[in-house]
C-alpha atoms as a PDB file:
ATOM      1  CA  MET A   1     252.319 293.881  96.771  1.00  0.00           C
ATOM      2  CA  SER A   2     249.372 291.988  95.272  1.00  0.00           C
ATOM      3  CA  VAL A   3     249.721 290.358  91.883  1.00  0.00           C
ATOM      4  CA  SER A   4     246.881 290.929  89.426  1.00  0.00           C
ATOM      5  CA  PRO A   5     245.389 287.848  87.775  1.00  0.00           C
ATOM      6  CA  PRO A   6     246.298 287.273  84.127  1.00  0.00           C
ATOM      7  CA  ARG A   7     243.793 288.720  81.657  1.00  0.00           C
ATOM      8  CA  PHE A   8     242.484 286.571  78.834  1.00  0.00           C
ATOM      9  CA  ARG A   9     243.330 287.970  75.408  1.00  0.00           C
ATOM     10  CA  PRO A  10     241.648 285.734  72.831  1.00  0.00           C
ATOM     11  CA  ALA A  11     243.192 284.833  69.503  1.00  0.00           C
ATOM     12  CA  LEU A  12     241.630 287.405  67.177  1.00  0.00           C
ATOM     13  CA  TRP A  13     241.704 284.938  64.293  1.00  0.00           C
ATOM     14  CA  LEU A  14     239.307 282.610  66.158  1.00  0.00           C
ATOM     15  CA  PRO A  15     236.094 284.667  66.239  1.00  0.00           C
ATOM     16  CA  GLY A  16     233.108 283.337  68.126  1.00  0.00           C
ATOM     17  CA  GLY A  17     232.417 280.660  70.687  1.00  0.00           C
ATOM     18  CA  HIS A  18     232.386 277.713  68.292  1.00  0.00           C
ATOM     19  CA  ALA A  19     235.877 278.447  66.943  1.00  0.00           C
ATOM     20  CA  GLN A  20     237.270 278.792  70.474  1.00  0.00           C
ATOM     21  CA  THR A  21     235.582 275.539  71.476  1.00  0.00           C
ATOM     22  CA  ILE A  22     236.732 273.429  68.533  1.00  0.00           C
ATOM     23  CA  TRP A  23     240.282 274.642  67.851  1.00  0.00           C
ATOM     24  CA  PRO A  24     241.924 273.254  71.043  1.00  0.00           C
ATOM     25  CA  ARG A  25     241.499 269.732  69.634  1.00  0.00           C
ATOM     26  CA  PHE A  26     243.995 270.681  66.915  1.00  0.00           C
ATOM     27  CA  ILE A  27     246.668 272.099  69.229  1.00  0.00           C
ATOM     28  CA  LEU A  28     246.870 269.444  71.921  1.00  0.00           C
ATOM     29  CA  PRO A  29     249.668 270.141  74.422  1.00  0.00           C
ATOM     30  CA  PRO A  30     252.081 267.294  75.195  1.00  0.00           C
ATOM     31  CA  LEU A  31     250.718 264.647  77.547  1.00  0.00           C
ATOM     32  CA  PRO A  32     252.719 264.861  80.801  1.00  0.00           C
ATOM     33  CA  ALA A  33     254.170 261.713  82.339  1.00  0.00           C
ATOM     34  CA  LEU A  34     251.372 260.293  84.479  1.00  0.00           C
ATOM     35  CA  ALA A  35     251.210 257.190  86.679  1.00  0.00           C
ATOM     36  CA  ARG A  36     247.880 255.393  86.977  1.00  0.00           C
ATOM     37  CA  GLU A  37     246.433 254.286  90.293  1.00  0.00           C
ATOM     38  CA  ARG A  38     243.278 252.193  90.526  1.00  0.00           C
ATOM     39  CA  ILE A  39     241.076 252.719  93.565  1.00  0.00           C
ATOM     40  CA  ASP A  40     238.198 250.429  94.513  1.00  0.00           C
ATOM     41  CA  THR A  41     234.994 252.266  95.343  1.00  0.00           C
ATOM     42  CA  PRO A  42     232.910 251.512  98.451  1.00  0.00           C
ATOM     43  CA  ASP A  43     230.230 249.864  96.284  1.00  0.00           C
ATOM     44  CA  GLY A  44     232.573 247.405  94.566  1.00  0.00           C
ATOM     45  CA  ASP A  45     233.443 249.401  91.471  1.00  0.00           C
ATOM     46  CA  PHE A  46     236.692 251.225  90.622  1.00  0.00           C
ATOM     47  CA  ILE A  47     237.996 254.567  89.391  1.00  0.00           C
ATOM     48  CA  ASP A  48     241.401 255.394  87.936  1.00  0.00           C
ATOM     49  CA  LEU A  49     243.575 258.313  89.032  1.00  0.00           C
ATOM     50  CA  ASP A  50     246.400 259.602  86.826  1.00  0.00           C
ATOM     51  CA  TRP A  51     249.168 261.202  88.914  1.00  0.00           C
ATOM     52  CA  LEU A  52     252.073 263.468  88.128  1.00  0.00           C
ATOM     53  CA  PRO A  53     255.288 262.403  89.904  1.00  0.00           C
ATOM     54  CA  VAL A  54     254.621 262.978  93.608  1.00  0.00           C
ATOM     55  CA  ARG A  55     256.631 265.737  95.291  1.00  0.00           C
ATOM     56  CA  GLU A  56     256.796 266.073  99.046  1.00  0.00           C
ATOM     57  CA  HIS A  57     255.836 269.320 100.762  1.00  0.00           C
ATOM     58  CA  GLN A  58     253.973 270.671  97.713  1.00  0.00           C
ATOM     59  CA  PRO A  59     250.271 271.461  97.098  1.00  0.00           C
ATOM     60  CA  LEU A  60     247.987 269.199  95.109  1.00  0.00           C
ATOM     61  CA  VAL A  61     245.705 270.149  92.212  1.00  0.00           C
ATOM     62  CA  MET A  62     242.896 267.643  91.550  1.00  0.00           C
ATOM     63  CA  LEU A  63     241.115 267.772  88.197  1.00  0.00           C
ATOM     64  CA  LEU A  64     237.565 266.521  87.618  1.00  0.00           C
ATOM     65  CA  HIS A  65     237.079 266.252  83.855  1.00  0.00           C
ATOM     66  CA  GLY A  66     234.084 267.011  81.691  1.00  0.00           C
ATOM     67  CA  LEU A  67     231.630 264.843  79.764  1.00  0.00           C
ATOM     68  CA  GLU A  68     233.533 261.964  78.113  1.00  0.00           C
ATOM     69  CA  GLY A  69     236.825 263.579  79.162  1.00  0.00           C
ATOM     70  CA  SER A  70     240.003 262.048  80.544  1.00  0.00           C
ATOM     71  CA  SER A  71     243.621 262.862  81.307  1.00  0.00           C
ATOM     72  CA  GLU A  72     244.129 263.070  77.537  1.00  0.00           C
ATOM     73  CA  SER A  73     241.681 265.988  77.124  1.00  0.00           C
ATOM     74  CA  HIS A  74     243.262 269.235  75.977  1.00  0.00           C
ATOM     75  CA  TYR A  75     242.502 271.065  79.229  1.00  0.00           C
ATOM     76  CA  ALA A  76     243.872 268.189  81.340  1.00  0.00           C
ATOM     77  CA  ARG A  77     247.101 268.153  79.344  1.00  0.00           C
ATOM     78  CA  ALA A  78     247.477 271.923  79.664  1.00  0.00           C
ATOM     79  CA  LEU A  79     246.694 272.078  83.378  1.00  0.00           C
ATOM     80  CA  MET A  80     248.796 269.081  84.406  1.00  0.00           C
ATOM     81  CA  GLY A  81     251.671 270.425  82.307  1.00  0.00           C
ATOM     82  CA  ALA A  82     251.496 273.770  84.111  1.00  0.00           C
ATOM     83  CA  VAL A  83     251.205 272.092  87.516  1.00  0.00           C
ATOM     84  CA  ASP A  84     254.213 269.931  86.708  1.00  0.00           C
ATOM     85  CA  ALA A  85     256.244 272.961  85.605  1.00  0.00           C
ATOM     86  CA  ARG A  86     255.313 274.716  88.868  1.00  0.00           C
ATOM     87  CA  GLY A  87     256.688 271.765  90.845  1.00  0.00           C
ATOM     88  CA  TRP A  88     253.313 270.984  92.436  1.00  0.00           C
ATOM     89  CA  ASN A  89     251.431 267.707  92.640  1.00  0.00           C
ATOM     90  CA  GLY A  90     248.645 266.947  90.209  1.00  0.00           C
ATOM     91  CA  VAL A  91     246.066 264.221  89.659  1.00  0.00           C
ATOM     92  CA  VAL A  92     243.306 263.662  87.123  1.00  0.00           C
ATOM     93  CA  VAL A  93     240.327 261.871  88.656  1.00  0.00           C
ATOM     94  CA  HIS A  94     238.574 259.751  86.041  1.00  0.00           C
ATOM     95  CA  ALA A  95     234.850 259.290  86.363  1.00  0.00           C
ATOM     96  CA  ARG A  96     233.671 255.697  86.234  1.00  0.00           C
ATOM     97  CA  GLY A  97     234.209 254.207  82.792  1.00  0.00           C
ATOM     98  CA  CYS A  98     236.188 257.173  81.422  1.00  0.00           C
ATOM     99  CA  SER A  99     239.751 255.899  81.803  1.00  0.00           C
ATOM    100  CA  GLY A 100     239.670 253.560  78.821  1.00  0.00           C
ATOM    101  CA  GLU A 101     238.215 250.508  80.556  1.00  0.00           C
ATOM    102  CA  PRO A 102     234.540 249.818  81.366  1.00  0.00           C
ATOM    103  CA  ASN A 103     233.644 250.027  85.029  1.00  0.00           C
ATOM    104  CA  ARG A 104     232.279 246.957  86.781  1.00  0.00           C
ATOM    105  CA  LEU A 105     228.803 248.063  87.811  1.00  0.00           C
ATOM    106  CA  VAL A 106     225.730 248.964  85.804  1.00  0.00           C
ATOM    107  CA  ARG A 107     225.912 252.547  87.057  1.00  0.00           C
ATOM    108  CA  ALA A 108     228.076 255.051  85.200  1.00  0.00           C
ATOM    109  CA  TYR A 109     228.748 258.712  85.997  1.00  0.00           C
ATOM    110  CA  HIS A 110     226.641 261.833  85.755  1.00  0.00           C
ATOM    111  CA  SER A 111     226.616 265.592  86.294  1.00  0.00           C
ATOM    112  CA  GLY A 112     225.361 265.399  89.862  1.00  0.00           C
ATOM    113  CA  ASP A 113     227.637 262.620  91.128  1.00  0.00           C
ATOM    114  CA  SER A 114     228.944 264.674  94.060  1.00  0.00           C
ATOM    115  CA  ALA A 115     228.803 261.711  96.454  1.00  0.00           C
ATOM    116  CA  GLU A 116     231.943 260.349  94.750  1.00  0.00           C
ATOM    117  CA  LEU A 117     233.918 263.105  96.451  1.00  0.00           C
ATOM    118  CA  ASP A 118     232.587 262.089  99.859  1.00  0.00           C
ATOM    119  CA  TRP A 119     234.675 258.915  99.863  1.00  0.00           C
ATOM    120  CA  LEU A 120     237.469 259.976  97.504  1.00  0.00           C
ATOM    121  CA  LEU A 121     238.715 263.110  99.271  1.00  0.00           C
ATOM    122  CA  PRO A 122     239.274 261.369 102.651  1.00  0.00           C
ATOM    123  CA  LEU A 123     241.443 258.833 100.811  1.00  0.00           C
ATOM    124  CA  VAL A 124     243.528 261.307  98.815  1.00  0.00           C
ATOM    125  CA  VAL A 125     243.855 264.451 100.935  1.00  0.00           C
ATOM    126  CA  PRO A 126     245.672 262.883 103.935  1.00  0.00           C
ATOM    127  CA  ARG A 127     248.458 261.755 101.585  1.00  0.00           C
ATOM    128  CA  MET A 128     249.447 265.396 101.176  1.00  0.00           C
ATOM    129  CA  GLN A 129     250.439 265.593 104.867  1.00  0.00           C
ATOM    130  CA  GLY A 130     248.845 268.964 105.497  1.00  0.00           C
ATOM    131  CA  GLN A 131     249.765 270.609 102.183  1.00  0.00           C
ATOM    132  CA  PRO A 132     246.947 272.564 100.469  1.00  0.00           C
ATOM    133  CA  VAL A 133     244.653 270.650  98.157  1.00  0.00           C
ATOM    134  CA  HIS A 134     242.883 272.545  95.370  1.00  0.00           C
ATOM    135  CA  ALA A 135     240.200 271.126  93.077  1.00  0.00           C
ATOM    136  CA  VAL A 136     239.314 272.062  89.499  1.00  0.00           C
ATOM    137  CA  GLY A 137     236.077 270.939  87.883  1.00  0.00           C
ATOM    138  CA  VAL A 138     235.694 271.333  84.119  1.00  0.00           C
ATOM    139  CA  SER A 139     232.255 271.448  82.491  1.00  0.00           C
ATOM    140  CA  LEU A 140     230.365 268.421  83.910  1.00  0.00           C
ATOM    141  CA  GLY A 141     233.083 268.064  86.558  1.00  0.00           C
ATOM    142  CA  GLY A 142     232.569 271.701  87.455  1.00  0.00           C
ATOM    143  CA  ASN A 143     228.895 271.143  88.188  1.00  0.00           C
ATOM    144  CA  VAL A 144     229.788 268.104  90.307  1.00  0.00           C
ATOM    145  CA  LEU A 145     232.361 270.129  92.258  1.00  0.00           C
ATOM    146  CA  CYS A 146     230.081 273.139  92.775  1.00  0.00           C
ATOM    147  CA  LYS A 147     227.265 270.870  93.919  1.00  0.00           C
ATOM    148  CA  TRP A 148     229.536 269.127  96.437  1.00  0.00           C
ATOM    149  CA  LEU A 149     230.832 272.442  97.790  1.00  0.00           C
ATOM    150  CA  GLY A 150     227.307 273.757  98.243  1.00  0.00           C
ATOM    151  CA  GLU A 151     226.120 270.568  99.916  1.00  0.00           C
ATOM    152  CA  HIS A 152     228.956 270.618 102.463  1.00  0.00           C
ATOM    153  CA  GLY A 153     229.307 274.329 103.224  1.00  0.00           C
ATOM    154  CA  HIS A 154     231.952 275.016 105.898  1.00  0.00           C
ATOM    155  CA  ALA A 155     232.774 271.307 106.215  1.00  0.00           C
ATOM    156  CA  ALA A 156     234.295 271.302 102.727  1.00  0.00           C
ATOM    157  CA  SER A 157     237.252 273.324 104.030  1.00  0.00           C
ATOM    158  CA  GLN A 158     238.393 270.216 105.931  1.00  0.00           C
ATOM    159  CA  TRP A 159     239.409 268.788 102.555  1.00  0.00           C
ATOM    160  CA  LEU A 160     239.911 271.648 100.099  1.00  0.00           C
ATOM    161  CA  ARG A 161     241.799 274.934 100.459  1.00  0.00           C
ATOM    162  CA  SER A 162     240.149 276.366  97.348  1.00  0.00           C
ATOM    163  CA  ALA A 163     238.426 275.317  94.144  1.00  0.00           C
ATOM    164  CA  ALA A 164     237.720 276.430  90.595  1.00  0.00           C
ATOM    165  CA  SER A 165     234.920 275.643  88.179  1.00  0.00           C
ATOM    166  CA  VAL A 166     235.447 276.094  84.431  1.00  0.00           C
ATOM    167  CA  CYS A 167     232.498 276.465  82.043  1.00  0.00           C
ATOM    168  CA  ALA A 168     230.215 274.417  84.278  1.00  0.00           C
ATOM    169  CA  PRO A 169     226.582 273.887  83.213  1.00  0.00           C
ATOM    170  CA  VAL A 170     225.209 274.866  86.628  1.00  0.00           C
ATOM    171  CA  ASP A 171     221.725 274.879  85.070  1.00  0.00           C
ATOM    172  CA  LEU A 172     221.753 271.417  83.492  1.00  0.00           C
ATOM    173  CA  GLY A 173     218.400 271.821  81.803  1.00  0.00           C
ATOM    174  CA  ALA A 174     219.500 274.957  79.981  1.00  0.00           C
ATOM    175  CA  ALA A 175     222.731 273.318  78.838  1.00  0.00           C
ATOM    176  CA  GLY A 176     221.053 270.068  77.848  1.00  0.00           C
ATOM    177  CA  ARG A 177     218.499 271.871  75.695  1.00  0.00           C
ATOM    178  CA  ALA A 178     221.164 274.130  74.179  1.00  0.00           C
ATOM    179  CA  LEU A 179     223.154 271.080  73.054  1.00  0.00           C
ATOM    180  CA  ASP A 180     220.175 269.865  71.053  1.00  0.00           C
ATOM    181  CA  GLN A 181     219.757 273.035  68.997  1.00  0.00           C
ATOM    182  CA  GLY A 182     221.358 274.336  65.810  1.00  0.00           C
ATOM    183  CA  PHE A 183     225.092 273.878  65.272  1.00  0.00           C
ATOM    184  CA  ASN A 184     225.378 272.513  68.810  1.00  0.00           C
ATOM    185  CA  ARG A 185     224.089 269.217  67.477  1.00  0.00           C
ATOM    186  CA  VAL A 186     227.644 268.693  66.198  1.00  0.00           C
ATOM    187  CA  TYR A 187     228.817 268.565  69.817  1.00  0.00           C
ATOM    188  CA  THR A 188     225.932 266.296  70.736  1.00  0.00           C
ATOM    189  CA  GLN A 189     226.920 263.774  68.072  1.00  0.00           C
ATOM    190  CA  TYR A 190     230.553 264.029  69.182  1.00  0.00           C
ATOM    191  CA  PHE A 191     229.541 263.032  72.715  1.00  0.00           C
ATOM    192  CA  LEU A 192     227.058 260.369  71.646  1.00  0.00           C
ATOM    193  CA  ARG A 193     229.601 258.597  69.439  1.00  0.00           C
ATOM    194  CA  THR A 194     231.179 257.160  72.626  1.00  0.00           C
ATOM    195  CA  MET A 195     228.260 257.381  75.052  1.00  0.00           C
ATOM    196  CA  LYS A 196     225.853 255.236  73.029  1.00  0.00           C
ATOM    197  CA  PRO A 197     228.196 252.251  72.440  1.00  0.00           C
ATOM    198  CA  ARG A 198     229.119 252.249  76.130  1.00  0.00           C
ATOM    199  CA  ALA A 199     225.437 252.280  77.118  1.00  0.00           C
ATOM    200  CA  LEU A 200     224.603 249.514  74.639  1.00  0.00           C
ATOM    201  CA  HIS A 201     227.410 247.452  76.147  1.00  0.00           C
ATOM    202  CA  LYS A 202     225.883 247.904  79.598  1.00  0.00           C
ATOM    203  CA  ALA A 203     222.449 246.999  78.251  1.00  0.00           C
ATOM    204  CA  ALA A 204     223.897 243.713  76.988  1.00  0.00           C
ATOM    205  CA  LEU A 205     225.786 243.000  80.230  1.00  0.00           C
ATOM    206  CA  PHE A 206     222.834 243.810  82.493  1.00  0.00           C
ATOM    207  CA  PRO A 207     219.662 242.582  80.745  1.00  0.00           C
ATOM    208  CA  GLY A 208     216.415 244.254  81.721  1.00  0.00           C
ATOM    209  CA  VAL A 209     217.954 247.453  83.058  1.00  0.00           C
ATOM    210  CA  LEU A 210     218.127 249.533  79.886  1.00  0.00           C
ATOM    211  CA  ASP A 211     216.143 249.693  76.655  1.00  0.00           C
ATOM    212  CA  ALA A 212     218.680 249.025  73.897  1.00  0.00           C
ATOM    213  CA  ALA A 213     216.294 250.221  71.180  1.00  0.00           C
ATOM    214  CA  ALA A 214     215.813 253.565  72.955  1.00  0.00           C
ATOM    215  CA  ILE A 215     219.579 253.934  73.342  1.00  0.00           C
ATOM    216  CA  ALA A 216     220.209 253.210  69.659  1.00  0.00           C
ATOM    217  CA  ALA A 217     217.535 255.729  68.667  1.00  0.00           C
ATOM    218  CA  SER A 218     218.911 258.496  70.919  1.00  0.00           C
ATOM    219  CA  ALA A 219     219.847 261.464  68.757  1.00  0.00           C
ATOM    220  CA  SER A 220     219.868 264.139  71.457  1.00  0.00           C
ATOM    221  CA  ILE A 221     221.269 264.627  74.936  1.00  0.00           C
ATOM    222  CA  LYS A 222     217.750 264.705  76.362  1.00  0.00           C
ATOM    223  CA  ALA A 223     216.864 261.414  74.683  1.00  0.00           C
ATOM    224  CA  PHE A 224     220.057 259.813  75.993  1.00  0.00           C
ATOM    225  CA  ASP A 225     219.472 261.113  79.516  1.00  0.00           C
ATOM    226  CA  ASP A 226     215.871 259.870  79.350  1.00  0.00           C
ATOM    227  CA  ALA A 227     216.950 256.401  78.187  1.00  0.00           C
ATOM    228  CA  VAL A 228     220.204 255.954  80.101  1.00  0.00           C
ATOM    229  CA  THR A 229     221.442 258.490  82.655  1.00  0.00           C
ATOM    230  CA  SER A 230     218.176 258.836  84.535  1.00  0.00           C
ATOM    231  CA  GLN A 231     217.482 255.094  84.474  1.00  0.00           C
ATOM    232  CA  LEU A 232     220.912 254.104  85.816  1.00  0.00           C
ATOM    233  CA  HIS A 233     221.015 256.655  88.621  1.00  0.00           C
ATOM    234  CA  GLY A 234     217.573 256.812  90.170  1.00  0.00           C
ATOM    235  CA  PHE A 235     215.890 259.710  88.379  1.00  0.00           C
ATOM    236  CA  ARG A 236     212.443 259.729  86.802  1.00  0.00           C
ATOM    237  CA  ASP A 237     213.628 261.112  83.469  1.00  0.00           C
ATOM    238  CA  ALA A 238     216.018 263.682  82.004  1.00  0.00           C
ATOM    239  CA  ASP A 239     214.092 266.668  83.365  1.00  0.00           C
ATOM    240  CA  ASP A 240     214.098 265.209  86.880  1.00  0.00           C
ATOM    241  CA  TYR A 241     217.837 264.497  86.606  1.00  0.00           C
ATOM    242  CA  TRP A 242     218.633 267.978  85.331  1.00  0.00           C
ATOM    243  CA  THR A 243     216.529 269.677  88.004  1.00  0.00           C
ATOM    244  CA  ARG A 244     217.838 267.691  90.975  1.00  0.00           C
ATOM    245  CA  CYS A 245     221.502 267.787  89.949  1.00  0.00           C
ATOM    246  CA  SER A 246     221.974 271.410  88.888  1.00  0.00           C
ATOM    247  CA  ALA A 247     224.490 273.168  91.129  1.00  0.00           C
ATOM    248  CA  ARG A 248     223.207 276.723  90.654  1.00  0.00           C
ATOM    249  CA  PRO A 249     220.763 276.679  93.599  1.00  0.00           C
ATOM    250  CA  LEU A 250     223.598 275.564  95.906  1.00  0.00           C
ATOM    251  CA  LEU A 251     226.161 278.236  95.034  1.00  0.00           C
ATOM    252  CA  ARG A 252     224.976 280.508  97.847  1.00  0.00           C
ATOM    253  CA  GLU A 253     225.929 277.773 100.323  1.00  0.00           C
ATOM    254  CA  VAL A 254     229.585 277.537  99.220  1.00  0.00           C
ATOM    255  CA  ARG A 255     232.026 278.382 102.024  1.00  0.00           C
ATOM    256  CA  VAL A 256     235.356 277.560 100.338  1.00  0.00           C
ATOM    257  CA  PRO A 257     237.033 280.079  97.993  1.00  0.00           C
ATOM    258  CA  LEU A 258     235.665 279.187  94.552  1.00  0.00           C
ATOM    259  CA  LEU A 259     236.582 280.717  91.200  1.00  0.00           C
ATOM    260  CA  LEU A 260     233.527 280.488  88.963  1.00  0.00           C
ATOM    261  CA  LEU A 261     234.992 280.913  85.488  1.00  0.00           C
ATOM    262  CA  GLN A 262     232.627 281.116  82.530  1.00  0.00           C
ATOM    263  CA  ALA A 263     232.809 282.393  78.955  1.00  0.00           C
ATOM    264  CA  LEU A 264     229.792 284.410  77.877  1.00  0.00           C
ATOM    265  CA  ASN A 265     230.082 283.041  74.338  1.00  0.00           C
ATOM    266  CA  ASP A 266     230.125 279.409  75.480  1.00  0.00           C
ATOM    267  CA  PRO A 267     227.854 277.673  72.957  1.00  0.00           C
ATOM    268  CA  MET A 268     226.994 274.843  75.362  1.00  0.00           C
ATOM    269  CA  VAL A 269     226.185 276.988  78.423  1.00  0.00           C
ATOM    270  CA  PRO A 270     223.770 279.850  77.614  1.00  0.00           C
ATOM    271  CA  ASP A 271     224.764 283.129  79.248  1.00  0.00           C
ATOM    272  CA  TRP A 272     221.250 283.655  80.579  1.00  0.00           C
ATOM    273  CA  SER A 273     221.569 280.436  82.607  1.00  0.00           C
ATOM    274  CA  LEU A 274     224.637 281.562  84.566  1.00  0.00           C
ATOM    275  CA  ALA A 275     224.437 282.398  88.249  1.00  0.00           C
ATOM    276  CA  THR A 276     223.794 286.062  89.051  1.00  0.00           C
ATOM    277  CA  PRO A 277     225.632 287.805  91.921  1.00  0.00           C
ATOM    278  CA  GLN A 278     222.548 287.379  94.114  1.00  0.00           C
ATOM    279  CA  MET A 279     222.853 283.602  93.750  1.00  0.00           C
ATOM    280  CA  LEU A 280     226.437 283.447  95.036  1.00  0.00           C
ATOM    281  CA  SER A 281     227.945 283.340  98.497  1.00  0.00           C
ATOM    282  CA  SER A 282     230.696 285.801  99.369  1.00  0.00           C
ATOM    283  CA  ASP A 283     233.246 282.990  98.922  1.00  0.00           C
ATOM    284  CA  VAL A 284     232.464 282.620  95.220  1.00  0.00           C
ATOM    285  CA  VAL A 285     234.525 284.753  92.821  1.00  0.00           C
ATOM    286  CA  PRO A 286     232.647 285.013  89.499  1.00  0.00           C
ATOM    287  CA  GLU A 287     234.726 285.696  86.401  1.00  0.00           C
ATOM    288  CA  TYR A 288     232.619 285.849  83.270  1.00  0.00           C
ATOM    289  CA  THR A 289     234.838 286.499  80.259  1.00  0.00           C
ATOM    290  CA  ALA A 290     233.418 287.817  76.995  1.00  0.00           C
ATOM    291  CA  GLN A 291     235.332 285.234  74.958  1.00  0.00           C
ATOM    292  CA  GLY A 292     236.637 281.714  75.450  1.00  0.00           C
ATOM    293  CA  GLY A 293     234.022 279.317  74.093  1.00  0.00           C
ATOM    294  CA  HIS A 294     233.461 276.081  75.979  1.00  0.00           C
ATOM    295  CA  VAL A 295     236.726 275.337  77.794  1.00  0.00           C
ATOM    296  CA  GLY A 296     238.622 276.816  74.863  1.00  0.00           C
ATOM    297  CA  TYR A 297     240.404 279.986  75.958  1.00  0.00           C
ATOM    298  CA  VAL A 298     242.772 279.992  72.980  1.00  0.00           C
ATOM    299  CA  SER A 299     245.179 282.923  72.876  1.00  0.00           C
ATOM    300  CA  GLY A 300     248.105 283.922  70.670  1.00  0.00           C
ATOM    301  CA  ALA A 301     249.220 283.166  67.133  1.00  0.00           C
ATOM    302  CA  PRO A 302     249.896 281.637  64.683  1.00  0.00           C
ATOM    303  CA  LYS A 303     248.493 278.318  65.945  1.00  0.00           C
ATOM    304  CA  GLY A 304     247.264 279.518  69.321  1.00  0.00           C
ATOM    305  CA  HIS A 305     248.064 278.652  72.920  1.00  0.00           C
ATOM    306  CA  LEU A 306     246.180 277.038  75.801  1.00  0.00           C
ATOM    307  CA  ASP A 307     248.348 278.458  78.574  1.00  0.00           C
ATOM    308  CA  TRP A 308     246.014 281.167  79.879  1.00  0.00           C
ATOM    309  CA  LEU A 309     243.533 278.852  81.625  1.00  0.00           C
ATOM    310  CA  PRO A 310     246.175 276.964  83.670  1.00  0.00           C
ATOM    311  CA  GLN A 311     247.848 280.261  84.571  1.00  0.00           C
ATOM    312  CA  ARG A 312     244.538 281.733  85.723  1.00  0.00           C
ATOM    313  CA  LEU A 313     243.700 278.695  87.854  1.00  0.00           C
ATOM    314  CA  LEU A 314     247.117 278.508  89.507  1.00  0.00           C
ATOM    315  CA  HIS A 315     247.037 282.253  90.193  1.00  0.00           C
ATOM    316  CA  PHE A 316     243.724 281.824  92.002  1.00  0.00           C
ATOM    317  CA  PHE A 317     245.061 278.944  94.059  1.00  0.00           C
ATOM    318  CA  GLU A 318     248.114 280.969  95.065  1.00  0.00           C
ATOM    319  CA  HIS A 319     246.521 284.361  95.612  1.00  0.00           C
ATOM    320  CA  GLY A 320     242.793 283.716  96.118  1.00  0.00           C
ATOM    321  CA  ARG A 321     241.746 286.177  93.420  1.00  0.00           C
END
């Protein structure tokens, strides 16, 4: 007998996408016990992995966080807590410079950094000794994961049993422009409060690479990506970066079961920019919920709960639907 996936029932007292997006910061789940592992990258840098206690003969859930996220983000806490309660293995993969310590190289991380998975998965997956490995990408991490899956097609199944993307900006240009409009500027300033100091630090460490004045003047995501992201990672400008790194054109090439979870009232990802059924391979399961905000998915009362998203992801990994 098949088990139906859990249905999202939003907290009725949190109307609209902004409320669902913001409230999770006020109801942070407990931070599970995590052990940090530092891995040197092939180019002489490092990334940090935060692991739940390792259990033999159990699946692994890998989490790729969003912009300026970490293992302390609300969704990471909720997912790793649910994985731990299930008795599975879990790991949060920090992008370069996001684990609380600056990375060594001038480069940072970005929404199209799918090549990181090319060297990371062959290091991590064999440790599971044949147990299934599932990947979750949230927001920016979701675009990275979708892009990697599309680039590798059938070959991705060598490393991943299934995957899930949550509120990913698969059209980076649409999301980047949306963040610079109206109330969304609040989110932009929230991101820039950590992104700009980190970029100014790199500008001081690596003279001649970045324009410190342009960084300091950046008041929008586009301006920051023009001044920093594109310059550090080989793109002409923000538009070139957004165009070349968007995962949406690659979704028809995905050959691993992929849950594509999006909220239609996500203020950072316009609904018109989402992938249509014609853009998806038969291995992609789109689930576009009416409510949820940007990686919010708050349900219940009186304070709300963040348990639906982890339950939905684990159900997909167990049942494929």
